[in-house]
PDB file of all heavy atoms in Angstrom:
ATOM      1  N   VAL A   1      13.364  -2.306  12.322  1.00  0.00           N
ATOM      2  CA  VAL A   1      12.555  -1.634  11.292  1.00  0.00           C
ATOM      3  C   VAL A   1      12.643  -2.409  10.026  1.00  0.00           C
ATOM      4  O   VAL A   1      13.759  -2.690   9.507  1.00  0.00           O
ATOM      5  CB  VAL A   1      12.901  -0.138  11.129  1.00  0.00           C
ATOM      6  CG1 VAL A   1      12.154   0.481  10.020  1.00  0.00           C
ATOM      7  CG2 VAL A   1      12.782   0.557  12.389  1.00  0.00           C
ATOM      8  N   ARG A   2      11.624  -2.909   9.502  1.00  0.00           N
ATOM      9  CA  ARG A   2      11.492  -3.594   8.286  1.00  0.00           C
ATOM     10  C   ARG A   2      10.824  -2.978   7.180  1.00  0.00           C
ATOM     11  O   ARG A   2       9.729  -2.526   7.544  1.00  0.00           O
ATOM     12  CB  ARG A   2      10.852  -5.068   8.606  1.00  0.00           C
ATOM     13  CG  ARG A   2      11.731  -5.895   9.483  1.00  0.00           C
ATOM     14  CD  ARG A   2      11.093  -7.306   9.663  1.00  0.00           C
ATOM     15  NE  ARG A   2      11.705  -8.058  10.663  1.00  0.00           N
ATOM     16  CZ  ARG A   2      11.283  -9.242  11.151  1.00  0.00           C
ATOM     17  NH1 ARG A   2      10.134  -9.752  10.549  1.00  0.00           N
ATOM     18  NH2 ARG A   2      12.078  -9.865  11.998  1.00  0.00           N
ATOM     19  N   ILE A   3      11.365  -2.834   6.063  1.00  0.00           N
ATOM     20  CA  ILE A   3      10.710  -2.325   4.899  1.00  0.00           C
ATOM     21  C   ILE A   3      10.448  -3.476   3.978  1.00  0.00           C
ATOM     22  O   ILE A   3      11.509  -4.083   3.382  1.00  0.00           O
ATOM     23  CB  ILE A   3      11.531  -1.255   4.294  1.00  0.00           C
ATOM     24  CG1 ILE A   3      11.707  -0.116   5.290  1.00  0.00           C
ATOM     25  CG2 ILE A   3      10.856  -0.713   2.972  1.00  0.00           C
ATOM     26  CD1 ILE A   3      12.649   1.007   4.887  1.00  0.00           C
ATOM     27  N   GLU A   4       9.237  -3.772   3.693  1.00  0.00           N
ATOM     28  CA  GLU A   4       8.967  -4.941   2.742  1.00  0.00           C
ATOM     29  C   GLU A   4       8.028  -4.442   1.683  1.00  0.00           C
ATOM     30  O   GLU A   4       7.202  -3.632   1.933  1.00  0.00           O
ATOM     31  CB  GLU A   4       8.311  -6.081   3.518  1.00  0.00           C
ATOM     32  CG  GLU A   4       9.225  -6.730   4.671  1.00  0.00           C
ATOM     33  CD  GLU A   4       8.502  -7.784   5.360  1.00  0.00           C
ATOM     34  OE1 GLU A   4       7.259  -8.061   5.015  1.00  0.00           O
ATOM     35  OE2 GLU A   4       9.135  -8.338   6.283  1.00  0.00           O
ATOM     36  N   ALA A   5       8.190  -5.064   0.577  1.00  0.00           N
ATOM     37  CA  ALA A   5       7.234  -4.715  -0.538  1.00  0.00           C
ATOM     38  C   ALA A   5       5.992  -5.489  -0.292  1.00  0.00           C
ATOM     39  O   ALA A   5       5.972  -6.610   0.127  1.00  0.00           O
ATOM     40  CB  ALA A   5       7.998  -5.208  -1.881  1.00  0.00           C
ATOM     41  N   PRO A   6       4.818  -4.982  -0.795  1.00  0.00           N
ATOM     42  CA  PRO A   6       3.603  -5.715  -0.573  1.00  0.00           C
ATOM     43  C   PRO A   6       3.593  -6.929  -1.519  1.00  0.00           C
ATOM     44  O   PRO A   6       4.138  -6.922  -2.499  1.00  0.00           O
ATOM     45  CB  PRO A   6       2.521  -4.685  -0.988  1.00  0.00           C
ATOM     46  CG  PRO A   6       3.213  -3.753  -1.844  1.00  0.00           C
ATOM     47  CD  PRO A   6       4.629  -3.558  -1.415  1.00  0.00           C
ATOM     48  N   LYS A   7       2.830  -7.951  -1.024  1.00  0.00           N
ATOM     49  CA  LYS A   7       2.829  -9.188  -1.727  1.00  0.00           C
ATOM     50  C   LYS A   7       1.826  -8.987  -2.955  1.00  0.00           C
ATOM     51  O   LYS A   7       2.059  -9.775  -3.955  1.00  0.00           O
ATOM     52  CB  LYS A   7       2.240 -10.283  -0.767  1.00  0.00           C
ATOM     53  CG  LYS A   7       3.173 -10.570   0.275  1.00  0.00           C
ATOM     54  CD  LYS A   7       2.751 -11.655   1.170  1.00  0.00           C
ATOM     55  CE  LYS A   7       3.778 -11.942   2.194  1.00  0.00           C
ATOM     56  NZ  LYS A   7       3.306 -12.987   3.258  1.00  0.00           N
ATOM     57  N   GLU A   8       0.831  -8.170  -2.872  1.00  0.00           N
ATOM     58  CA  GLU A   8      -0.099  -7.958  -3.905  1.00  0.00           C
ATOM     59  C   GLU A   8       0.162  -6.647  -4.551  1.00  0.00           C
ATOM     60  O   GLU A   8       0.586  -5.765  -3.910  1.00  0.00           O
ATOM     61  CB  GLU A   8      -1.550  -8.014  -3.431  1.00  0.00           C
ATOM     62  CG  GLU A   8      -1.997  -9.293  -2.887  1.00  0.00           C
ATOM     63  CD  GLU A   8      -3.310  -9.278  -2.377  1.00  0.00           C
ATOM     64  OE1 GLU A   8      -4.104  -8.383  -2.596  1.00  0.00           O
ATOM     65  OE2 GLU A   8      -3.841 -10.360  -1.758  1.00  0.00           O
ATOM     66  N   PRO A   9      -0.066  -6.531  -5.887  1.00  0.00           N
ATOM     67  CA  PRO A   9       0.239  -5.128  -6.442  1.00  0.00           C
ATOM     68  C   PRO A   9      -0.751  -4.147  -5.916  1.00  0.00           C
ATOM     69  O   PRO A   9      -1.943  -4.480  -5.569  1.00  0.00           O
ATOM     70  CB  PRO A   9       0.005  -5.544  -7.922  1.00  0.00           C
ATOM     71  CG  PRO A   9      -0.945  -6.681  -8.031  1.00  0.00           C
ATOM     72  CD  PRO A   9      -0.569  -7.461  -6.785  1.00  0.00           C
ATOM     73  N   ILE A  10      -0.416  -2.954  -5.921  1.00  0.00           N
ATOM     74  CA  ILE A  10      -1.148  -1.766  -5.424  1.00  0.00           C
ATOM     75  C   ILE A  10      -2.116  -1.436  -6.636  1.00  0.00           C
ATOM     76  O   ILE A  10      -1.811  -1.274  -7.721  1.00  0.00           O
ATOM     77  CB  ILE A  10      -0.376  -0.608  -5.072  1.00  0.00           C
ATOM     78  CG1 ILE A  10       0.679  -0.983  -4.021  1.00  0.00           C
ATOM     79  CG2 ILE A  10      -1.192   0.594  -4.802  1.00  0.00           C
ATOM     80  CD1 ILE A  10       1.627   0.059  -3.746  1.00  0.00           C
ATOM     81  N   LYS A  11      -3.470  -1.284  -6.273  1.00  0.00           N
ATOM     82  CA  LYS A  11      -4.518  -1.027  -7.254  1.00  0.00           C
ATOM     83  C   LYS A  11      -5.050   0.376  -6.879  1.00  0.00           C
ATOM     84  O   LYS A  11      -5.346   0.622  -5.738  1.00  0.00           O
ATOM     85  CB  LYS A  11      -5.630  -1.996  -7.084  1.00  0.00           C
ATOM     86  CG  LYS A  11      -5.377  -3.422  -7.598  1.00  0.00           C
ATOM     87  CD  LYS A  11      -6.449  -4.346  -7.452  1.00  0.00           C
ATOM     88  CE  LYS A  11      -6.094  -5.764  -7.828  1.00  0.00           C
ATOM     89  NZ  LYS A  11      -7.289  -6.661  -7.678  1.00  0.00           N
ATOM     90  N   ILE A  12      -5.135   1.193  -7.858  1.00  0.00           N
ATOM     91  CA  ILE A  12      -5.626   2.528  -7.836  1.00  0.00           C
ATOM     92  C   ILE A  12      -6.815   2.696  -8.731  1.00  0.00           C
ATOM     93  O   ILE A  12      -6.713   2.451  -9.911  1.00  0.00           O
ATOM     94  CB  ILE A  12      -4.598   3.597  -8.153  1.00  0.00           C
ATOM     95  CG1 ILE A  12      -3.422   3.476  -7.184  1.00  0.00           C
ATOM     96  CG2 ILE A  12      -5.327   4.905  -8.056  1.00  0.00           C
ATOM     97  CD1 ILE A  12      -2.195   4.449  -7.505  1.00  0.00           C
ATOM     98  N   GLU A  13      -7.990   2.874  -8.205  1.00  0.00           N
ATOM     99  CA  GLU A  13      -9.116   2.913  -8.933  1.00  0.00           C
ATOM    100  C   GLU A  13      -9.611   4.368  -8.859  1.00  0.00           C
ATOM    101  O   GLU A  13      -9.811   4.915  -7.769  1.00  0.00           O
ATOM    102  CB  GLU A  13     -10.240   1.990  -8.410  1.00  0.00           C
ATOM    103  CG  GLU A  13      -9.868   0.520  -8.659  1.00  0.00           C
ATOM    104  CD  GLU A  13     -11.003  -0.418  -8.172  1.00  0.00           C
ATOM    105  OE1 GLU A  13     -12.173   0.089  -8.093  1.00  0.00           O
ATOM    106  OE2 GLU A  13     -10.699  -1.544  -7.949  1.00  0.00           O
ATOM    107  N   ALA A  14      -9.923   4.962 -10.048  1.00  0.00           N
ATOM    108  CA  ALA A  14     -10.232   6.388  -9.999  1.00  0.00           C
ATOM    109  C   ALA A  14     -11.625   6.468 -10.914  1.00  0.00           C
ATOM    110  O   ALA A  14     -11.520   6.145 -12.160  1.00  0.00           O
ATOM    111  CB  ALA A  14      -9.159   7.316 -10.565  1.00  0.00           C
ATOM    112  N   ASN A  15     -12.580   6.795 -10.298  1.00  0.00           N
ATOM    113  CA  ASN A  15     -13.908   7.018 -10.995  1.00  0.00           C
ATOM    114  C   ASN A  15     -14.046   8.522 -11.236  1.00  0.00           C
ATOM    115  O   ASN A  15     -14.409   9.203 -10.107  1.00  0.00           O
ATOM    116  CB  ASN A  15     -15.082   6.411 -10.193  1.00  0.00           C
ATOM    117  CG  ASN A  15     -15.093   4.900 -10.194  1.00  0.00           C
ATOM    118  OD1 ASN A  15     -14.492   4.403 -11.124  1.00  0.00           O
ATOM    119  ND2 ASN A  15     -15.559   4.376  -9.159  1.00  0.00           N
ATOM    120  N   ILE A  16     -13.676   9.109 -12.336  1.00  0.00           N
ATOM    121  CA  ILE A  16     -13.669  10.511 -12.555  1.00  0.00           C
ATOM    122  C   ILE A  16     -14.748  10.803 -13.628  1.00  0.00           C
ATOM    123  O   ILE A  16     -14.799  10.223 -14.684  1.00  0.00           O
ATOM    124  CB  ILE A  16     -12.317  10.904 -12.946  1.00  0.00           C
ATOM    125  CG1 ILE A  16     -11.367  10.622 -11.902  1.00  0.00           C
ATOM    126  CG2 ILE A  16     -12.255  12.391 -13.216  1.00  0.00           C
ATOM    127  CD1 ILE A  16      -9.875  10.888 -12.332  1.00  0.00           C
ATOM    128  N   LYS A  17     -15.575  11.740 -13.249  1.00  0.00           N
ATOM    129  CA  LYS A  17     -16.604  12.287 -14.302  1.00  0.00           C
ATOM    130  C   LYS A  17     -16.130  13.580 -14.803  1.00  0.00           C
ATOM    131  O   LYS A  17     -15.840  14.446 -14.062  1.00  0.00           O
ATOM    132  CB  LYS A  17     -17.935  12.289 -13.742  1.00  0.00           C
ATOM    133  CG  LYS A  17     -18.515  11.053 -13.341  1.00  0.00           C
ATOM    134  CD  LYS A  17     -19.920  11.335 -12.747  1.00  0.00           C
ATOM    135  CE  LYS A  17     -20.542   9.870 -12.296  1.00  0.00           C
ATOM    136  NZ  LYS A  17     -21.885  10.001 -11.798  1.00  0.00           N
ATOM    137  N   ILE A  18     -15.970  13.649 -16.122  1.00  0.00           N
ATOM    138  CA  ILE A  18     -15.520  15.111 -16.704  1.00  0.00           C
ATOM    139  C   ILE A  18     -16.798  15.658 -17.284  1.00  0.00           C
ATOM    140  O   ILE A  18     -17.333  15.042 -18.392  1.00  0.00           O
ATOM    141  CB  ILE A  18     -14.481  14.823 -17.705  1.00  0.00           C
ATOM    142  CG1 ILE A  18     -13.183  14.172 -16.941  1.00  0.00           C
ATOM    143  CG2 ILE A  18     -13.940  16.196 -18.308  1.00  0.00           C
ATOM    144  CD1 ILE A  18     -12.072  13.901 -17.956  1.00  0.00           C
ATOM    145  N   GLN A  19     -17.354  16.707 -16.772  1.00  0.00           N
ATOM    146  CA  GLN A  19     -18.514  17.314 -17.181  1.00  0.00           C
ATOM    147  C   GLN A  19     -18.200  18.753 -17.687  1.00  0.00           C
ATOM    148  O   GLN A  19     -19.128  19.502 -18.058  1.00  0.00           O
ATOM    149  CB  GLN A  19     -19.635  17.335 -16.142  1.00  0.00           C
ATOM    150  CG  GLN A  19     -19.936  15.974 -15.852  1.00  0.00           C
ATOM    151  CD  GLN A  19     -21.051  15.903 -14.609  1.00  0.00           C
ATOM    152  OE1 GLN A  19     -21.359  17.018 -14.043  1.00  0.00           O
ATOM    153  NE2 GLN A  19     -21.640  14.772 -14.418  1.00  0.00           N
ATOM    154  N   HIS A  20     -16.936  19.220 -17.594  1.00  0.00           N
ATOM    155  CA  HIS A  20     -16.590  20.543 -17.957  1.00  0.00           C
ATOM    156  C   HIS A  20     -17.066  21.005 -19.333  1.00  0.00           C
ATOM    157  O   HIS A  20     -17.672  22.031 -19.528  1.00  0.00           O
ATOM    158  CB  HIS A  20     -15.190  20.779 -17.754  1.00  0.00           C
ATOM    159  CG  HIS A  20     -14.699  22.151 -18.106  1.00  0.00           C
ATOM    160  ND1 HIS A  20     -15.029  23.266 -17.194  1.00  0.00           N
ATOM    161  CD2 HIS A  20     -14.052  22.720 -19.111  1.00  0.00           C
ATOM    162  CE1 HIS A  20     -14.527  24.284 -17.695  1.00  0.00           C
ATOM    163  NE2 HIS A  20     -13.912  24.051 -18.780  1.00  0.00           N
ATOM    164  N   GLU A  21     -16.905  20.116 -20.266  1.00  0.00           N
ATOM    165  CA  GLU A  21     -17.274  20.464 -21.708  1.00  0.00           C
ATOM    166  C   GLU A  21     -18.712  20.737 -21.806  1.00  0.00           C
ATOM    167  O   GLU A  21     -19.275  21.593 -22.555  1.00  0.00           O
ATOM    168  CB  GLU A  21     -16.691  19.442 -22.689  1.00  0.00           C
ATOM    169  CG  GLU A  21     -16.954  19.709 -24.091  1.00  0.00           C
ATOM    170  CD  GLU A  21     -16.365  18.642 -25.035  1.00  0.00           C
ATOM    171  OE1 GLU A  21     -15.578  17.741 -24.512  1.00  0.00           O
ATOM    172  OE2 GLU A  21     -16.762  18.657 -26.190  1.00  0.00           O
ATOM    173  N   ILE A  22     -19.482  19.898 -21.211  1.00  0.00           N
ATOM    174  CA  ILE A  22     -20.991  19.980 -21.320  1.00  0.00           C
ATOM    175  C   ILE A  22     -21.422  21.229 -20.697  1.00  0.00           C
ATOM    176  O   ILE A  22     -22.334  21.937 -21.172  1.00  0.00           O
ATOM    177  CB  ILE A  22     -21.570  18.745 -20.683  1.00  0.00           C
ATOM    178  CG1 ILE A  22     -21.167  17.414 -21.521  1.00  0.00           C
ATOM    179  CG2 ILE A  22     -23.135  18.835 -20.632  1.00  0.00           C
ATOM    180  CD1 ILE A  22     -21.600  16.244 -20.748  1.00  0.00           C
ATOM    181  N   VAL A  23     -20.886  21.622 -19.601  1.00  0.00           N
ATOM    182  CA  VAL A  23     -21.261  22.782 -18.837  1.00  0.00           C
ATOM    183  C   VAL A  23     -21.013  23.971 -19.546  1.00  0.00           C
ATOM    184  O   VAL A  23     -21.788  24.982 -19.735  1.00  0.00           O
ATOM    185  CB  VAL A  23     -20.595  22.913 -17.464  1.00  0.00           C
ATOM    186  CG1 VAL A  23     -20.842  24.150 -16.848  1.00  0.00           C
ATOM    187  CG2 VAL A  23     -21.169  21.723 -16.573  1.00  0.00           C
ATOM    188  N   VAL A  24     -19.704  24.040 -20.279  1.00  0.00           N
ATOM    189  CA  VAL A  24     -19.375  25.212 -21.193  1.00  0.00           C
ATOM    190  C   VAL A  24     -20.255  25.410 -22.292  1.00  0.00           C
ATOM    191  O   VAL A  24     -20.767  26.493 -22.539  1.00  0.00           O
ATOM    192  CB  VAL A  24     -17.899  24.956 -21.608  1.00  0.00           C
ATOM    193  CG1 VAL A  24     -17.632  26.085 -22.664  1.00  0.00           C
ATOM    194  CG2 VAL A  24     -16.986  25.023 -20.391  1.00  0.00           C
ATOM    195  N   ARG A  25     -20.694  24.236 -22.869  1.00  0.00           N
ATOM    196  CA  ARG A  25     -21.589  24.370 -24.084  1.00  0.00           C
ATOM    197  C   ARG A  25     -23.043  25.034 -23.637  1.00  0.00           C
ATOM    198  O   ARG A  25     -23.590  25.803 -24.233  1.00  0.00           O
ATOM    199  CB  ARG A  25     -21.864  22.950 -24.682  1.00  0.00           C
ATOM    200  CG  ARG A  25     -20.600  22.509 -25.476  1.00  0.00           C
ATOM    201  CD  ARG A  25     -20.964  21.192 -26.129  1.00  0.00           C
ATOM    202  NE  ARG A  25     -19.742  20.629 -26.808  1.00  0.00           N
ATOM    203  CZ  ARG A  25     -19.741  19.503 -27.302  1.00  0.00           C
ATOM    204  NH1 ARG A  25     -20.711  18.574 -27.128  1.00  0.00           N
ATOM    205  NH2 ARG A  25     -18.643  18.999 -27.899  1.00  0.00           N
ATOM    206  N   VAL A  26     -23.503  24.471 -22.468  1.00  0.00           N
ATOM    207  CA  VAL A  26     -24.747  25.017 -21.981  1.00  0.00           C
ATOM    208  C   VAL A  26     -24.608  26.411 -21.604  1.00  0.00           C
ATOM    209  O   VAL A  26     -25.547  27.226 -22.022  1.00  0.00           O
ATOM    210  CB  VAL A  26     -25.244  24.189 -20.800  1.00  0.00           C
ATOM    211  CG1 VAL A  26     -26.396  24.912 -20.063  1.00  0.00           C
ATOM    212  CG2 VAL A  26     -25.591  22.803 -21.100  1.00  0.00           C
TER     213      VAL A  26
END
């Protein structure tokens, strides 16, 4: 069993839309 670190960095992309404030105003 081998545990190795990845050669490339881990990328986390998060496309998050926050619309709560707009909905509350309406």
